[in-house]
Amino acid sequence: MVRGHLIEVEAASIVEVASLAIRDEDGTTWSFDAMRYRGVTPSHLRDHMLRGLPITVVFHVENDVRLIDEITD
């Protein structure tokens, strides 16, 4: 699990996130693939990014790729 501010959101469609990147409080950038994630929409995440609101990403690693399990505000 990691908490930080969004710095990039890529949409697969209007309702699906393809990938995202966040920066944690230590300045580390974390990139995630949303391959099977269905939940928060790209527009909701972009709103967080524009307003500077942090999110928490719960993830697991599969074949050296961080895959999103859950996103919370």
PDB file of N, CA and C in Angstrom:
ATOM      1  N   MET A   1       0.850  -1.164   0.000  1.00  0.00           N
ATOM      2  CA  MET A   1       0.000   0.000   0.000  1.00  0.00           C
ATOM      3  C   MET A   1       0.901   1.235   0.000  1.00  0.00           C
ATOM      4  N   VAL A   2       0.491   2.239  -0.760  1.00  0.00           N
ATOM      5  CA  VAL A   2       1.241   3.486  -0.804  1.00  0.00           C
ATOM      6  C   VAL A   2       0.258   4.651  -0.919  1.00  0.00           C
ATOM      7  N   ARG A   3       0.601   5.772  -0.259  1.00  0.00           N
ATOM      8  CA  ARG A   3      -0.247   6.969  -0.302  1.00  0.00           C
ATOM      9  C   ARG A   3       0.571   8.110  -0.889  1.00  0.00           C
ATOM     10  N   GLY A   4      -0.057   8.880  -1.768  1.00  0.00           N
ATOM     11  CA  GLY A   4       0.646  10.004  -2.361  1.00  0.00           C
ATOM     12  C   GLY A   4      -0.257  10.814  -3.263  1.00  0.00           C
ATOM     13  N   HIS A   5       0.376  11.732  -3.999  1.00  0.00           N
ATOM     14  CA  HIS A   5      -0.344  12.619  -4.911  1.00  0.00           C
ATOM     15  C   HIS A   5      -0.171  12.139  -6.344  1.00  0.00           C
ATOM     16  N   LEU A   6      -1.261  12.145  -7.074  1.00  0.00           N
ATOM     17  CA  LEU A   6      -1.232  11.723  -8.466  1.00  0.00           C
ATOM     18  C   LEU A   6      -0.398  12.673  -9.305  1.00  0.00           C
ATOM     19  N   ILE A   7       0.426  12.103 -10.168  1.00  0.00           N
ATOM     20  CA  ILE A   7       1.185  12.933 -11.100  1.00  0.00           C
ATOM     21  C   ILE A   7       0.872  12.555 -12.547  1.00  0.00           C
ATOM     22  N   GLU A   8       0.189  11.401 -12.733  1.00  0.00           N
ATOM     23  CA  GLU A   8      -0.175  10.980 -14.082  1.00  0.00           C
ATOM     24  C   GLU A   8      -1.325   9.978 -14.022  1.00  0.00           C
ATOM     25  N   VAL A   9      -2.285  10.144 -14.923  1.00  0.00           N
ATOM     26  CA  VAL A   9      -3.387   9.200 -15.064  1.00  0.00           C
ATOM     27  C   VAL A   9      -3.585   8.946 -16.551  1.00  0.00           C
ATOM     28  N   GLU A  10      -3.568   7.685 -16.942  1.00  0.00           N
ATOM     29  CA  GLU A  10      -3.841   7.310 -18.334  1.00  0.00           C
ATOM     30  C   GLU A  10      -5.140   6.520 -18.353  1.00  0.00           C
ATOM     31  N   ALA A  11      -6.067   6.947 -19.189  1.00  0.00           N
ATOM     32  CA  ALA A  11      -7.374   6.294 -19.274  1.00  0.00           C
ATOM     33  C   ALA A  11      -7.387   5.257 -20.389  1.00  0.00           C
ATOM     34  N   ALA A  12      -8.006   4.103 -20.115  1.00  0.00           N
ATOM     35  CA  ALA A  12      -8.252   3.091 -21.141  1.00  0.00           C
ATOM     36  C   ALA A  12      -9.559   3.417 -21.856  1.00  0.00           C
ATOM     37  N   SER A  13     -10.475   4.044 -21.123  1.00  0.00           N
ATOM     38  CA  SER A  13     -11.765   4.488 -21.661  1.00  0.00           C
ATOM     39  C   SER A  13     -12.297   5.552 -20.702  1.00  0.00           C
ATOM     40  N   ILE A  14     -13.482   6.007 -20.944  1.00  0.00           N
ATOM     41  CA  ILE A  14     -14.067   7.028 -20.076  1.00  0.00           C
ATOM     42  C   ILE A  14     -14.326   6.511 -18.654  1.00  0.00           C
ATOM     43  N   VAL A  15     -14.452   5.196 -18.512  1.00  0.00           N
ATOM     44  CA  VAL A  15     -14.740   4.615 -17.194  1.00  0.00           C
ATOM     45  C   VAL A  15     -13.639   3.717 -16.648  1.00  0.00           C
ATOM     46  N   GLU A  16     -12.557   3.518 -17.410  1.00  0.00           N
ATOM     47  CA  GLU A  16     -11.495   2.609 -16.968  1.00  0.00           C
ATOM     48  C   GLU A  16     -10.131   3.286 -16.990  1.00  0.00           C
ATOM     49  N   VAL A  17      -9.390   3.084 -15.928  1.00  0.00           N
ATOM     50  CA  VAL A  17      -8.018   3.573 -15.827  1.00  0.00           C
ATOM     51  C   VAL A  17      -7.095   2.532 -16.453  1.00  0.00           C
ATOM     52  N   ALA A  18      -6.117   2.985 -17.232  1.00  0.00           N
ATOM     53  CA  ALA A  18      -5.109   2.079 -17.796  1.00  0.00           C
ATOM     54  C   ALA A  18      -3.891   2.006 -16.880  1.00  0.00           C
ATOM     55  N   SER A  19      -3.437   3.181 -16.419  1.00  0.00           N
ATOM     56  CA  SER A  19      -2.283   3.233 -15.530  1.00  0.00           C
ATOM     57  C   SER A  19      -2.283   4.567 -14.793  1.00  0.00           C
ATOM     58  N   LEU A  20      -1.473   4.631 -13.752  1.00  0.00           N
ATOM     59  CA  LEU A  20      -1.317   5.886 -13.035  1.00  0.00           C
ATOM     60  C   LEU A  20       0.025   5.904 -12.332  1.00  0.00           C
ATOM     61  N   ALA A  21       0.422   7.105 -11.934  1.00  0.00           N
ATOM     62  CA  ALA A  21       1.655   7.276 -11.174  1.00  0.00           C
ATOM     63  C   ALA A  21       1.368   8.253 -10.045  1.00  0.00           C
ATOM     64  N   ILE A  22       1.951   7.961  -8.886  1.00  0.00           N
ATOM     65  CA  ILE A  22       1.819   8.860  -7.742  1.00  0.00           C
ATOM     66  C   ILE A  22       3.207   9.118  -7.155  1.00  0.00           C
ATOM     67  N   ARG A  23       3.310  10.219  -6.426  1.00  0.00           N
ATOM     68  CA  ARG A  23       4.546  10.554  -5.723  1.00  0.00           C
ATOM     69  C   ARG A  23       4.227  10.565  -4.232  1.00  0.00           C
ATOM     70  N   ASP A  24       4.983   9.760  -3.478  1.00  0.00           N
ATOM     71  CA  ASP A  24       4.733   9.695  -2.032  1.00  0.00           C
ATOM     72  C   ASP A  24       5.409  10.862  -1.318  1.00  0.00           C
ATOM     73  N   GLU A  25       5.244  10.956  -0.011  1.00  0.00           N
ATOM     74  CA  GLU A  25       5.766  12.103   0.747  1.00  0.00           C
ATOM     75  C   GLU A  25       7.285  12.141   0.787  1.00  0.00           C
ATOM     76  N   ASP A  26       7.947  11.022   0.487  1.00  0.00           N
ATOM     77  CA  ASP A  26       9.411  10.985   0.436  1.00  0.00           C
ATOM     78  C   ASP A  26       9.949  11.397  -0.934  1.00  0.00           C
ATOM     79  N   GLY A  27       9.029  11.629  -1.894  1.00  0.00           N
ATOM     80  CA  GLY A  27       9.444  12.019  -3.240  1.00  0.00           C
ATOM     81  C   GLY A  27       9.628  10.860  -4.197  1.00  0.00           C
ATOM     82  N   THR A  28       9.329   9.649  -3.749  1.00  0.00           N
ATOM     83  CA  THR A  28       9.436   8.473  -4.604  1.00  0.00           C
ATOM     84  C   THR A  28       8.225   8.401  -5.525  1.00  0.00           C
ATOM     85  N   THR A  29       8.475   8.135  -6.806  1.00  0.00           N
ATOM     86  CA  THR A  29       7.397   7.978  -7.783  1.00  0.00           C
ATOM     87  C   THR A  29       7.079   6.497  -7.929  1.00  0.00           C
ATOM     88  N   TRP A  30       5.790   6.187  -7.852  1.00  0.00           N
ATOM     89  CA  TRP A  30       5.291   4.820  -7.971  1.00  0.00           C
ATOM     90  C   TRP A  30       4.384   4.740  -9.197  1.00  0.00           C
ATOM     91  N   SER A  31       4.650   3.793 -10.085  1.00  0.00           N
ATOM     92  CA  SER A  31       3.812   3.585 -11.268  1.00  0.00           C
ATOM     93  C   SER A  31       3.018   2.302 -11.103  1.00  0.00           C
ATOM     94  N   PHE A  32       1.773   2.340 -11.568  1.00  0.00           N
ATOM     95  CA  PHE A  32       0.870   1.202 -11.419  1.00  0.00           C
ATOM     96  C   PHE A  32       0.156   0.913 -12.725  1.00  0.00           C
ATOM     97  N   ASP A  33      -0.106  -0.358 -12.962  1.00  0.00           N
ATOM     98  CA  ASP A  33      -0.915  -0.809 -14.095  1.00  0.00           C
ATOM     99  C   ASP A  33      -2.292  -1.164 -13.540  1.00  0.00           C
ATOM    100  N   ALA A  34      -3.325  -0.754 -14.229  1.00  0.00           N
ATOM    101  CA  ALA A  34      -4.697  -1.003 -13.761  1.00  0.00           C
ATOM    102  C   ALA A  34      -5.364  -2.111 -14.561  1.00  0.00           C
ATOM    103  N   MET A  35      -4.600  -3.056 -15.037  1.00  0.00           N
ATOM    104  CA  MET A  35      -5.070  -4.095 -15.951  1.00  0.00           C
ATOM    105  C   MET A  35      -6.445  -4.668 -15.602  1.00  0.00           C
ATOM    106  N   ARG A  36      -6.628  -5.127 -14.397  1.00  0.00           N
ATOM    107  CA  ARG A  36      -7.913  -5.745 -14.023  1.00  0.00           C
ATOM    108  C   ARG A  36      -8.708  -4.915 -13.028  1.00  0.00           C
ATOM    109  N   TYR A  37      -8.245  -3.711 -12.744  1.00  0.00           N
ATOM    110  CA  TYR A  37      -8.904  -2.858 -11.756  1.00  0.00           C
ATOM    111  C   TYR A  37     -10.153  -2.215 -12.339  1.00  0.00           C
ATOM    112  N   ARG A  38     -11.245  -2.313 -11.612  1.00  0.00           N
ATOM    113  CA  ARG A  38     -12.496  -1.633 -11.973  1.00  0.00           C
ATOM    114  C   ARG A  38     -12.980  -0.922 -10.730  1.00  0.00           C
ATOM    115  N   GLY A  39     -13.059   0.381 -10.800  1.00  0.00           N
ATOM    116  CA  GLY A  39     -13.451   1.127  -9.603  1.00  0.00           C
ATOM    117  C   GLY A  39     -13.497   2.603  -9.903  1.00  0.00           C
ATOM    118  N   VAL A  40     -12.567   3.346  -9.342  1.00  0.00           N
ATOM    119  CA  VAL A  40     -12.513   4.793  -9.499  1.00  0.00           C
ATOM    120  C   VAL A  40     -12.286   5.140 -10.972  1.00  0.00           C
ATOM    121  N   THR A  41     -13.017   6.139 -11.457  1.00  0.00           N
ATOM    122  CA  THR A  41     -12.921   6.527 -12.871  1.00  0.00           C
ATOM    123  C   THR A  41     -11.740   7.468 -13.113  1.00  0.00           C
ATOM    124  N   PRO A  42     -11.277   7.531 -14.355  1.00  0.00           N
ATOM    125  CA  PRO A  42     -10.199   8.468 -14.686  1.00  0.00           C
ATOM    126  C   PRO A  42     -10.547   9.917 -14.339  1.00  0.00           C
ATOM    127  N   SER A  43     -11.788  10.315 -14.558  1.00  0.00           N
ATOM    128  CA  SER A  43     -12.165  11.703 -14.262  1.00  0.00           C
ATOM    129  C   SER A  43     -12.097  11.990 -12.759  1.00  0.00           C
ATOM    130  N   HIS A  44     -12.470  11.027 -11.944  1.00  0.00           N
ATOM    131  CA  HIS A  44     -12.372  11.204 -10.486  1.00  0.00           C
ATOM    132  C   HIS A  44     -10.900  11.371 -10.083  1.00  0.00           C
ATOM    133  N   LEU A  45     -10.036  10.556 -10.671  1.00  0.00           N
ATOM    134  CA  LEU A  45      -8.615  10.647 -10.353  1.00  0.00           C
ATOM    135  C   LEU A  45      -8.016  11.964 -10.844  1.00  0.00           C
ATOM    136  N   ARG A  46      -8.418  12.408 -12.025  1.00  0.00           N
ATOM    137  CA  ARG A  46      -7.914  13.689 -12.541  1.00  0.00           C
ATOM    138  C   ARG A  46      -8.340  14.845 -11.637  1.00  0.00           C
ATOM    139  N   ASP A  47      -9.534  14.745 -11.072  1.00  0.00           N
ATOM    140  CA  ASP A  47      -9.992  15.760 -10.116  1.00  0.00           C
ATOM    141  C   ASP A  47      -9.058  15.803  -8.907  1.00  0.00           C
ATOM    142  N   HIS A  48      -8.676  14.641  -8.409  1.00  0.00           N
ATOM    143  CA  HIS A  48      -7.727  14.571  -7.288  1.00  0.00           C
ATOM    144  C   HIS A  48      -6.397  15.197  -7.688  1.00  0.00           C
ATOM    145  N   MET A  49      -5.953  14.899  -8.904  1.00  0.00           N
ATOM    146  CA  MET A  49      -4.681  15.418  -9.376  1.00  0.00           C
ATOM    147  C   MET A  49      -4.728  16.946  -9.465  1.00  0.00           C
ATOM    148  N   LEU A  50      -5.777  17.489 -10.034  1.00  0.00           N
ATOM    149  CA  LEU A  50      -5.900  18.937 -10.188  1.00  0.00           C
ATOM    150  C   LEU A  50      -6.016  19.659  -8.854  1.00  0.00           C
ATOM    151  N   ARG A  51      -6.695  19.042  -7.906  1.00  0.00           N
ATOM    152  CA  ARG A  51      -6.903  19.668  -6.598  1.00  0.00           C
ATOM    153  C   ARG A  51      -5.792  19.349  -5.596  1.00  0.00           C
ATOM    154  N   GLY A  52      -4.867  18.470  -5.981  1.00  0.00           N
ATOM    155  CA  GLY A  52      -3.758  18.125  -5.097  1.00  0.00           C
ATOM    156  C   GLY A  52      -4.148  17.260  -3.922  1.00  0.00           C
ATOM    157  N   LEU A  53      -5.203  16.463  -4.101  1.00  0.00           N
ATOM    158  CA  LEU A  53      -5.679  15.592  -3.029  1.00  0.00           C
ATOM    159  C   LEU A  53      -4.991  14.233  -3.122  1.00  0.00           C
ATOM    160  N   PRO A  54      -4.504  13.694  -2.011  1.00  0.00           N
ATOM    161  CA  PRO A  54      -3.819  12.399  -2.046  1.00  0.00           C
ATOM    162  C   PRO A  54      -4.785  11.226  -2.209  1.00  0.00           C
ATOM    163  N   ILE A  55      -4.236  10.107  -2.683  1.00  0.00           N
ATOM    164  CA  ILE A  55      -4.971   8.848  -2.760  1.00  0.00           C
ATOM    165  C   ILE A  55      -4.101   7.753  -2.146  1.00  0.00           C
ATOM    166  N   THR A  56      -4.744   6.651  -1.810  1.00  0.00           N
ATOM    167  CA  THR A  56      -4.041   5.460  -1.347  1.00  0.00           C
ATOM    168  C   THR A  56      -4.269   4.358  -2.366  1.00  0.00           C
ATOM    169  N   VAL A  57      -3.185   3.701  -2.759  1.00  0.00           N
ATOM    170  CA  VAL A  57      -3.276   2.601  -3.718  1.00  0.00           C
ATOM    171  C   VAL A  57      -2.830   1.321  -3.024  1.00  0.00           C
ATOM    172  N   VAL A  58      -3.714   0.334  -3.021  1.00  0.00           N
ATOM    173  CA  VAL A  58      -3.382  -1.005  -2.542  1.00  0.00           C
ATOM    174  C   VAL A  58      -3.055  -1.806  -3.792  1.00  0.00           C
ATOM    175  N   PHE A  59      -1.943  -2.519  -3.776  1.00  0.00           N
ATOM    176  CA  PHE A  59      -1.489  -3.208  -4.987  1.00  0.00           C
ATOM    177  C   PHE A  59      -0.786  -4.513  -4.650  1.00  0.00           C
ATOM    178  N   HIS A  60      -0.571  -5.295  -5.687  1.00  0.00           N
ATOM    179  CA  HIS A  60       0.285  -6.470  -5.571  1.00  0.00           C
ATOM    180  C   HIS A  60       1.208  -6.476  -6.787  1.00  0.00           C
ATOM    181  N   VAL A  61       2.280  -7.233  -6.707  1.00  0.00           N
ATOM    182  CA  VAL A  61       3.250  -7.297  -7.794  1.00  0.00           C
ATOM    183  C   VAL A  61       3.116  -8.644  -8.489  1.00  0.00           C
ATOM    184  N   GLU A  62       3.011  -8.574  -9.811  1.00  0.00           N
ATOM    185  CA  GLU A  62       2.893  -9.775 -10.627  1.00  0.00           C
ATOM    186  C   GLU A  62       3.822  -9.608 -11.825  1.00  0.00           C
ATOM    187  N   ASN A  63       4.780 -10.505 -11.980  1.00  0.00           N
ATOM    188  CA  ASN A  63       5.758 -10.411 -13.073  1.00  0.00           C
ATOM    189  C   ASN A  63       6.440  -9.045 -13.101  1.00  0.00           C
ATOM    190  N   ASP A  64       6.848  -8.564 -11.933  1.00  0.00           N
ATOM    191  CA  ASP A  64       7.543  -7.280 -11.773  1.00  0.00           C
ATOM    192  C   ASP A  64       6.707  -6.060 -12.151  1.00  0.00           C
ATOM    193  N   VAL A  65       5.388  -6.198 -12.201  1.00  0.00           N
ATOM    194  CA  VAL A  65       4.479  -5.096 -12.507  1.00  0.00           C
ATOM    195  C   VAL A  65       3.583  -4.873 -11.301  1.00  0.00           C
ATOM    196  N   ARG A  66       3.439  -3.606 -10.879  1.00  0.00           N
ATOM    197  CA  ARG A  66       2.547  -3.269  -9.773  1.00  0.00           C
ATOM    198  C   ARG A  66       1.128  -3.163 -10.324  1.00  0.00           C
ATOM    199  N   LEU A  67       0.249  -4.044  -9.846  1.00  0.00           N
ATOM    200  CA  LEU A  67      -1.142  -4.075 -10.297  1.00  0.00           C
ATOM    201  C   LEU A  67      -2.050  -3.548  -9.185  1.00  0.00           C
ATOM    202  N   ILE A  68      -2.953  -2.641  -9.557  1.00  0.00           N
ATOM    203  CA  ILE A  68      -3.838  -2.006  -8.593  1.00  0.00           C
ATOM    204  C   ILE A  68      -4.910  -2.987  -8.125  1.00  0.00           C
ATOM    205  N   ASP A  69      -5.085  -3.080  -6.811  1.00  0.00           N
ATOM    206  CA  ASP A  69      -6.180  -3.852  -6.217  1.00  0.00           C
ATOM    207  C   ASP A  69      -7.309  -2.926  -5.770  1.00  0.00           C
ATOM    208  N   GLU A  70      -6.921  -1.753  -5.238  1.00  0.00           N
ATOM    209  CA  GLU A  70      -7.916  -0.827  -4.698  1.00  0.00           C
ATOM    210  C   GLU A  70      -7.343   0.593  -4.660  1.00  0.00           C
ATOM    211  N   ILE A  71      -8.201   1.573  -4.892  1.00  0.00           N
ATOM    212  CA  ILE A  71      -7.838   2.980  -4.764  1.00  0.00           C
ATOM    213  C   ILE A  71      -8.836   3.624  -3.817  1.00  0.00           C
ATOM    214  N   THR A  72      -8.321   4.336  -2.813  1.00  0.00           N
ATOM    215  CA  THR A  72      -9.209   5.064  -1.895  1.00  0.00           C
ATOM    216  C   THR A  72      -8.723   6.504  -1.770  1.00  0.00           C
ATOM    217  N   ASP A  73      -9.665   7.368  -1.401  1.00  0.00           N
ATOM    218  CA  ASP A  73      -9.375   8.796  -1.232  1.00  0.00           C
ATOM    219  C   ASP A  73      -8.602   9.043   0.041  1.00  0.00           C
TER     220      ASP A  73
END
